[in-house]
Amino acid sequence: MEIILESEFDIERGMREFVNKIGNAKVFAIYAGMGVGKTTCIKEICKQLGVVDEVTSPTFAIINEYKTERDDFIYHFDLYRLETIEEAHNIGVEEYLYSGRICFIEWPELIESILPESTVRVDIQELSDGKRKISLHEQN
């Protein structure tokens, strides 16, 4: 599935479409270059999913936990600063991934070997005209 974001003002519509398409998926590995819009997309998705907390980049915290209107939690990872998979194990990444709760992972390359089989790969690509193309691929 692909979603094209025409501009930064199209993010609400695009992420609503994303949420409507994800079904029961829980873990999303988000691949994109620096500054392409990973966190911006996650912020809007969380809004669409009823997050009541402020959604911010977990660059320094590595993992942010957000509460939803239904008293559930969504986990948001930014693994850019991790250097080894052992660091991911030490902070308990697997417990989050297999918790049954929604997880959004920025910079997932380091932990690909421990991602659940049902992980959805999300590629965000900046097109030459400034638009963003978001592609979703089920790993199964």
N, C-alpha and C. Protein backbone atom coordinates (compact mmCIF):
# COMPACT_ATOMS: atom_id res chain seq x y z
N MET A 1 0.84 -1.18 0.00
CA MET A 1 0.00 0.00 0.00
C MET A 1 0.88 1.24 0.00
N GLU A 2 0.47 2.24 -0.72
CA GLU A 2 1.20 3.50 -0.75
C GLU A 2 0.28 4.68 -0.46
N ILE A 3 0.86 5.66 0.21
CA ILE A 3 0.17 6.92 0.50
C ILE A 3 1.09 8.03 0.01
N ILE A 4 0.56 8.96 -0.73
CA ILE A 4 1.33 10.12 -1.18
C ILE A 4 0.87 11.33 -0.38
N LEU A 5 1.81 11.98 0.27
CA LEU A 5 1.52 13.24 0.97
C LEU A 5 1.91 14.37 0.04
N GLU A 6 0.94 15.15 -0.36
CA GLU A 6 1.16 16.23 -1.32
C GLU A 6 2.00 17.36 -0.73
N SER A 7 1.83 17.60 0.57
CA SER A 7 2.57 18.67 1.24
C SER A 7 2.48 18.43 2.74
N GLU A 8 3.11 19.29 3.51
CA GLU A 8 3.04 19.18 4.96
C GLU A 8 1.62 19.38 5.47
N PHE A 9 0.78 20.03 4.67
CA PHE A 9 -0.61 20.26 5.07
C PHE A 9 -1.50 19.05 4.81
N ASP A 10 -0.95 18.05 4.16
CA ASP A 10 -1.69 16.84 3.80
C ASP A 10 -1.47 15.71 4.81
N ILE A 11 -0.70 15.98 5.85
CA ILE A 11 -0.31 14.93 6.80
C ILE A 11 -1.52 14.33 7.53
N GLU A 12 -2.47 15.15 7.92
CA GLU A 12 -3.63 14.64 8.66
C GLU A 12 -4.40 13.63 7.81
N ARG A 13 -4.70 13.99 6.56
CA ARG A 13 -5.41 13.07 5.67
C ARG A 13 -4.60 11.79 5.43
N GLY A 14 -3.31 11.95 5.16
CA GLY A 14 -2.47 10.79 4.87
C GLY A 14 -2.35 9.84 6.04
N MET A 15 -2.20 10.36 7.24
CA MET A 15 -2.05 9.48 8.41
C MET A 15 -3.39 8.89 8.84
N ARG A 16 -4.51 9.57 8.53
CA ARG A 16 -5.82 8.97 8.76
C ARG A 16 -5.96 7.74 7.85
N GLU A 17 -5.53 7.88 6.61
CA GLU A 17 -5.55 6.77 5.67
C GLU A 17 -4.65 5.63 6.18
N PHE A 18 -3.49 5.97 6.71
CA PHE A 18 -2.57 4.99 7.29
C PHE A 18 -3.27 4.21 8.40
N VAL A 19 -3.86 4.93 9.34
CA VAL A 19 -4.53 4.29 10.49
C VAL A 19 -5.67 3.39 10.01
N ASN A 20 -6.41 3.82 9.00
CA ASN A 20 -7.51 3.01 8.48
C ASN A 20 -7.03 1.74 7.79
N LYS A 21 -5.78 1.69 7.37
CA LYS A 21 -5.25 0.55 6.64
C LYS A 21 -4.47 -0.43 7.50
N ILE A 22 -4.10 -0.07 8.73
CA ILE A 22 -3.18 -0.93 9.50
C ILE A 22 -3.83 -2.14 10.14
N GLY A 23 -5.13 -2.15 10.24
CA GLY A 23 -5.80 -3.32 10.82
C GLY A 23 -5.32 -3.61 12.22
N ASN A 24 -4.93 -4.86 12.46
CA ASN A 24 -4.49 -5.28 13.79
C ASN A 24 -2.98 -5.24 13.97
N ALA A 25 -2.27 -4.69 13.02
CA ALA A 25 -0.81 -4.63 13.11
C ALA A 25 -0.39 -3.85 14.36
N LYS A 26 0.70 -4.29 14.96
CA LYS A 26 1.16 -3.66 16.20
C LYS A 26 2.56 -3.05 16.11
N VAL A 27 3.44 -3.63 15.32
CA VAL A 27 4.83 -3.17 15.28
C VAL A 27 5.14 -2.62 13.90
N PHE A 28 5.66 -1.39 13.87
CA PHE A 28 5.95 -0.69 12.62
C PHE A 28 7.41 -0.25 12.62
N ALA A 29 8.19 -0.78 11.69
CA ALA A 29 9.59 -0.40 11.52
C ALA A 29 9.63 0.68 10.45
N ILE A 30 10.07 1.87 10.82
CA ILE A 30 9.99 3.02 9.93
C ILE A 30 11.37 3.37 9.39
N TYR A 31 11.48 3.26 8.07
CA TYR A 31 12.74 3.50 7.37
C TYR A 31 12.63 4.79 6.58
N ALA A 32 13.57 5.69 6.80
CA ALA A 32 13.63 6.96 6.06
C ALA A 32 14.92 7.66 6.43
N GLY A 33 15.36 8.53 5.56
CA GLY A 33 16.55 9.30 5.84
C GLY A 33 16.29 10.37 6.90
N MET A 34 17.37 11.00 7.29
CA MET A 34 17.30 12.08 8.27
C MET A 34 16.45 13.22 7.72
N GLY A 35 15.49 13.70 8.53
CA GLY A 35 14.71 14.87 8.17
C GLY A 35 13.59 14.65 7.16
N VAL A 36 13.25 13.39 6.88
CA VAL A 36 12.23 13.11 5.88
C VAL A 36 10.82 13.15 6.47
N GLY A 37 10.69 13.02 7.79
CA GLY A 37 9.37 13.15 8.40
C GLY A 37 8.90 11.98 9.24
N LYS A 38 9.80 11.14 9.71
CA LYS A 38 9.39 9.99 10.53
C LYS A 38 8.61 10.43 11.76
N THR A 39 9.20 11.31 12.54
CA THR A 39 8.55 11.75 13.79
C THR A 39 7.27 12.51 13.50
N THR A 40 7.27 13.34 12.48
CA THR A 40 6.06 14.09 12.12
C THR A 40 4.91 13.14 11.80
N CYS A 41 5.19 12.10 11.03
CA CYS A 41 4.15 11.12 10.70
C CYS A 41 3.67 10.39 11.96
N ILE A 42 4.61 9.99 12.81
CA ILE A 42 4.24 9.27 14.04
C ILE A 42 3.39 10.16 14.94
N LYS A 43 3.72 11.45 15.04
CA LYS A 43 2.92 12.37 15.85
C LYS A 43 1.47 12.38 15.38
N GLU A 44 1.26 12.46 14.07
CA GLU A 44 -0.10 12.52 13.54
C GLU A 44 -0.80 11.18 13.69
N ILE A 45 -0.10 10.08 13.49
CA ILE A 45 -0.70 8.76 13.68
C ILE A 45 -1.16 8.61 15.13
N CYS A 46 -0.31 9.03 16.06
CA CYS A 46 -0.68 8.93 17.49
C CYS A 46 -1.90 9.78 17.78
N LYS A 47 -1.99 10.95 17.19
CA LYS A 47 -3.18 11.79 17.36
C LYS A 47 -4.41 11.04 16.86
N GLN A 48 -4.29 10.44 15.69
CA GLN A 48 -5.41 9.68 15.11
C GLN A 48 -5.79 8.49 15.99
N LEU A 49 -4.82 7.92 16.71
CA LEU A 49 -5.08 6.77 17.57
C LEU A 49 -5.51 7.17 18.98
N GLY A 50 -5.70 8.46 19.22
CA GLY A 50 -6.23 8.91 20.51
C GLY A 50 -5.21 9.09 21.61
N VAL A 51 -3.96 9.35 21.27
CA VAL A 51 -2.95 9.60 22.30
C VAL A 51 -3.27 10.92 22.99
N VAL A 52 -3.22 10.91 24.32
CA VAL A 52 -3.52 12.12 25.09
C VAL A 52 -2.25 12.82 25.56
N ASP A 53 -1.11 12.14 25.51
CA ASP A 53 0.16 12.73 25.90
C ASP A 53 0.76 13.52 24.74
N GLU A 54 1.72 14.39 25.06
CA GLU A 54 2.45 15.09 24.00
C GLU A 54 3.40 14.10 23.33
N VAL A 55 3.37 14.04 22.02
CA VAL A 55 4.24 13.14 21.27
C VAL A 55 5.47 13.92 20.84
N THR A 56 6.63 13.44 21.28
CA THR A 56 7.90 14.10 20.97
C THR A 56 8.89 13.06 20.48
N SER A 57 9.95 13.53 19.87
CA SER A 57 10.99 12.62 19.39
C SER A 57 11.72 12.00 20.58
N PRO A 58 11.86 10.68 20.58
CA PRO A 58 12.59 10.03 21.67
C PRO A 58 14.09 9.92 21.42
N THR A 59 14.65 10.87 20.68
CA THR A 59 16.06 10.81 20.32
C THR A 59 16.96 10.58 21.52
N PHE A 60 16.72 11.28 22.61
CA PHE A 60 17.59 11.14 23.78
C PHE A 60 17.07 10.12 24.77
N ALA A 61 15.76 9.96 24.87
CA ALA A 61 15.18 8.98 25.79
C ALA A 61 15.23 7.57 25.20
N ILE A 62 15.32 7.45 23.90
CA ILE A 62 15.31 6.23 23.11
C ILE A 62 13.92 5.62 23.00
N ILE A 63 13.16 5.58 24.11
CA ILE A 63 11.80 5.05 24.07
C ILE A 63 10.86 6.03 24.78
N ASN A 64 9.80 6.44 24.10
CA ASN A 64 8.74 7.23 24.73
C ASN A 64 7.49 6.36 24.82
N GLU A 65 6.78 6.54 25.90
CA GLU A 65 5.52 5.82 26.13
C GLU A 65 4.41 6.85 26.15
N TYR A 66 3.36 6.62 25.34
CA TYR A 66 2.25 7.55 25.26
C TYR A 66 0.96 6.85 25.69
N LYS A 67 0.18 7.54 26.49
CA LYS A 67 -1.11 7.00 26.95
C LYS A 67 -2.20 7.42 25.97
N THR A 68 -3.15 6.51 25.73
CA THR A 68 -4.27 6.82 24.84
C THR A 68 -5.53 7.10 25.65
N GLU A 69 -6.55 7.57 24.93
CA GLU A 69 -7.85 7.84 25.57
C GLU A 69 -8.44 6.60 26.22
N ARG A 70 -8.06 5.42 25.73
CA ARG A 70 -8.60 4.15 26.25
C ARG A 70 -7.71 3.53 27.32
N ASP A 71 -6.83 4.34 27.91
CA ASP A 71 -5.89 3.88 28.94
C ASP A 71 -4.97 2.77 28.45
N ASP A 72 -4.65 2.79 27.19
CA ASP A 72 -3.67 1.86 26.64
C ASP A 72 -2.39 2.67 26.40
N PHE A 73 -1.35 2.00 25.92
CA PHE A 73 -0.10 2.68 25.67
C PHE A 73 0.41 2.38 24.27
N ILE A 74 1.10 3.36 23.71
CA ILE A 74 1.79 3.23 22.44
C ILE A 74 3.26 3.54 22.72
N TYR A 75 4.16 2.75 22.14
CA TYR A 75 5.59 2.95 22.34
C TYR A 75 6.22 3.50 21.07
N HIS A 76 7.12 4.46 21.25
CA HIS A 76 7.79 5.15 20.14
C HIS A 76 9.29 5.09 20.41
N PHE A 77 10.00 4.44 19.51
CA PHE A 77 11.45 4.24 19.65
C PHE A 77 12.20 5.10 18.64
N ASP A 78 13.35 5.60 19.04
CA ASP A 78 14.32 6.20 18.13
C ASP A 78 15.65 5.54 18.46
N LEU A 79 16.06 4.60 17.62
CA LEU A 79 17.25 3.79 17.90
C LEU A 79 18.51 4.34 17.24
N TYR A 80 18.46 5.55 16.75
CA TYR A 80 19.57 6.15 16.01
C TYR A 80 20.87 6.13 16.82
N ARG A 81 20.79 6.39 18.11
CA ARG A 81 21.99 6.51 18.95
C ARG A 81 22.53 5.17 19.44
N LEU A 82 21.78 4.10 19.28
CA LEU A 82 22.29 2.80 19.72
C LEU A 82 23.36 2.30 18.76
N GLU A 83 24.38 1.66 19.32
CA GLU A 83 25.47 1.18 18.48
C GLU A 83 25.50 -0.34 18.34
N THR A 84 24.92 -1.06 19.32
CA THR A 84 24.93 -2.52 19.26
C THR A 84 23.56 -3.07 19.63
N ILE A 85 23.29 -4.27 19.18
CA ILE A 85 22.02 -4.90 19.54
C ILE A 85 21.98 -5.20 21.03
N GLU A 86 23.14 -5.38 21.66
CA GLU A 86 23.18 -5.60 23.10
C GLU A 86 22.61 -4.41 23.86
N GLU A 87 22.86 -3.20 23.36
CA GLU A 87 22.28 -2.01 23.99
C GLU A 87 20.76 -2.07 23.92
N ALA A 88 20.22 -2.54 22.80
CA ALA A 88 18.77 -2.68 22.65
C ALA A 88 18.25 -3.71 23.64
N HIS A 89 18.95 -4.83 23.78
CA HIS A 89 18.54 -5.86 24.75
C HIS A 89 18.57 -5.28 26.17
N ASN A 90 19.60 -4.50 26.48
CA ASN A 90 19.76 -3.95 27.83
C ASN A 90 18.65 -2.99 28.23
N ILE A 91 18.05 -2.32 27.26
CA ILE A 91 16.95 -1.41 27.60
C ILE A 91 15.58 -2.09 27.48
N GLY A 92 15.59 -3.39 27.20
CA GLY A 92 14.34 -4.15 27.19
C GLY A 92 13.49 -3.99 25.95
N VAL A 93 14.10 -3.72 24.81
CA VAL A 93 13.34 -3.50 23.58
C VAL A 93 12.39 -4.66 23.27
N GLU A 94 12.85 -5.88 23.46
CA GLU A 94 12.00 -7.04 23.12
C GLU A 94 10.72 -7.08 23.95
N GLU A 95 10.80 -6.68 25.20
CA GLU A 95 9.59 -6.66 26.04
C GLU A 95 8.53 -5.75 25.44
N TYR A 96 8.95 -4.62 24.92
CA TYR A 96 8.02 -3.69 24.29
C TYR A 96 7.48 -4.28 22.98
N LEU A 97 8.38 -4.83 22.16
CA LEU A 97 7.99 -5.34 20.85
C LEU A 97 6.97 -6.46 20.94
N TYR A 98 7.07 -7.26 21.98
CA TYR A 98 6.18 -8.42 22.14
C TYR A 98 5.11 -8.19 23.20
N SER A 99 4.84 -6.91 23.53
CA SER A 99 3.86 -6.57 24.56
C SER A 99 2.42 -6.63 24.05
N GLY A 100 2.24 -6.68 22.73
CA GLY A 100 0.90 -6.65 22.17
C GLY A 100 0.38 -5.23 21.99
N ARG A 101 1.23 -4.26 22.29
CA ARG A 101 0.86 -2.85 22.11
C ARG A 101 1.51 -2.31 20.85
N ILE A 102 0.98 -1.20 20.37
CA ILE A 102 1.52 -0.59 19.16
C ILE A 102 2.90 -0.01 19.44
N CYS A 103 3.84 -0.31 18.53
CA CYS A 103 5.21 0.20 18.62
C CYS A 103 5.60 0.82 17.28
N PHE A 104 6.13 2.03 17.33
CA PHE A 104 6.68 2.69 16.15
C PHE A 104 8.18 2.80 16.37
N ILE A 105 8.97 2.30 15.42
CA ILE A 105 10.42 2.26 15.58
C ILE A 105 11.10 3.06 14.48
N GLU A 106 11.73 4.15 14.88
CA GLU A 106 12.56 4.91 13.95
C GLU A 106 13.97 4.32 14.00
N TRP A 107 14.63 4.22 12.85
CA TRP A 107 15.96 3.65 12.72
C TRP A 107 16.01 2.20 13.23
N PRO A 108 15.19 1.30 12.66
CA PRO A 108 15.09 -0.08 13.15
C PRO A 108 16.19 -1.02 12.66
N GLU A 109 17.08 -0.56 11.81
CA GLU A 109 18.06 -1.44 11.18
C GLU A 109 18.81 -2.30 12.19
N LEU A 110 19.19 -1.75 13.31
CA LEU A 110 19.99 -2.45 14.30
C LEU A 110 19.27 -3.66 14.91
N ILE A 111 17.94 -3.59 14.99
CA ILE A 111 17.20 -4.66 15.68
C ILE A 111 16.37 -5.53 14.74
N GLU A 112 16.66 -5.47 13.46
CA GLU A 112 15.86 -6.24 12.51
C GLU A 112 15.77 -7.72 12.87
N SER A 113 16.84 -8.28 13.42
CA SER A 113 16.85 -9.71 13.73
C SER A 113 15.92 -10.09 14.88
N ILE A 114 15.47 -9.13 15.68
CA ILE A 114 14.57 -9.45 16.79
C ILE A 114 13.16 -8.90 16.61
N LEU A 115 12.90 -8.29 15.46
CA LEU A 115 11.55 -7.78 15.20
C LEU A 115 10.57 -8.95 15.04
N PRO A 116 9.35 -8.80 15.54
CA PRO A 116 8.34 -9.85 15.34
C PRO A 116 8.11 -10.08 13.84
N GLU A 117 7.74 -11.31 13.49
CA GLU A 117 7.47 -11.64 12.09
C GLU A 117 6.37 -10.77 11.50
N SER A 118 5.45 -10.33 12.32
CA SER A 118 4.30 -9.56 11.85
C SER A 118 4.60 -8.06 11.71
N THR A 119 5.86 -7.67 11.87
CA THR A 119 6.24 -6.26 11.77
C THR A 119 5.88 -5.70 10.39
N VAL A 120 5.33 -4.51 10.37
CA VAL A 120 5.03 -3.83 9.11
C VAL A 120 6.20 -2.88 8.82
N ARG A 121 6.76 -3.02 7.64
CA ARG A 121 7.83 -2.13 7.20
C ARG A 121 7.19 -0.90 6.58
N VAL A 122 7.60 0.28 7.05
CA VAL A 122 7.09 1.55 6.54
C VAL A 122 8.28 2.32 5.97
N ASP A 123 8.24 2.55 4.67
CA ASP A 123 9.29 3.33 4.01
C ASP A 123 8.73 4.71 3.69
N ILE A 124 9.44 5.75 4.12
CA ILE A 124 9.05 7.11 3.80
C ILE A 124 10.14 7.68 2.89
N GLN A 125 9.71 8.10 1.73
CA GLN A 125 10.65 8.57 0.72
C GLN A 125 10.27 9.99 0.31
N GLU A 126 11.28 10.85 0.25
CA GLU A 126 11.05 12.20 -0.26
C GLU A 126 11.20 12.17 -1.77
N LEU A 127 10.15 12.59 -2.46
CA LEU A 127 10.17 12.61 -3.92
C LEU A 127 10.80 13.91 -4.41
N SER A 128 11.18 13.94 -5.67
CA SER A 128 11.88 15.09 -6.23
C SER A 128 11.05 16.38 -6.18
N ASP A 129 9.73 16.25 -6.15
CA ASP A 129 8.86 17.43 -6.11
C ASP A 129 8.50 17.85 -4.68
N GLY A 130 9.16 17.23 -3.68
CA GLY A 130 8.91 17.58 -2.29
C GLY A 130 7.81 16.78 -1.62
N LYS A 131 7.07 16.02 -2.40
CA LYS A 131 6.03 15.16 -1.82
C LYS A 131 6.71 14.02 -1.07
N ARG A 132 5.92 13.33 -0.23
CA ARG A 132 6.41 12.15 0.48
C ARG A 132 5.61 10.94 0.04
N LYS A 133 6.31 9.85 -0.21
CA LYS A 133 5.65 8.59 -0.53
C LYS A 133 5.87 7.65 0.65
N ILE A 134 4.76 7.17 1.20
CA ILE A 134 4.82 6.24 2.33
C ILE A 134 4.34 4.89 1.83
N SER A 135 5.21 3.89 1.95
CA SER A 135 4.90 2.54 1.51
C SER A 135 4.86 1.61 2.70
N LEU A 136 3.81 0.80 2.79
CA LEU A 136 3.67 -0.18 3.86
C LEU A 136 3.79 -1.58 3.28
N HIS A 137 4.62 -2.40 3.94
CA HIS A 137 4.85 -3.77 3.50
C HIS A 137 4.78 -4.68 4.70
N GLU A 138 3.91 -5.67 4.66
CA GLU A 138 3.88 -6.66 5.74
C GLU A 138 5.06 -7.58 5.58
N GLN A 139 5.71 -7.92 6.69
CA GLN A 139 6.91 -8.75 6.65
C GLN A 139 6.60 -10.23 6.45
N ASN A 140 5.38 -10.66 6.74
CA ASN A 140 5.07 -12.10 6.69
C ASN A 140 5.58 -12.68 5.42
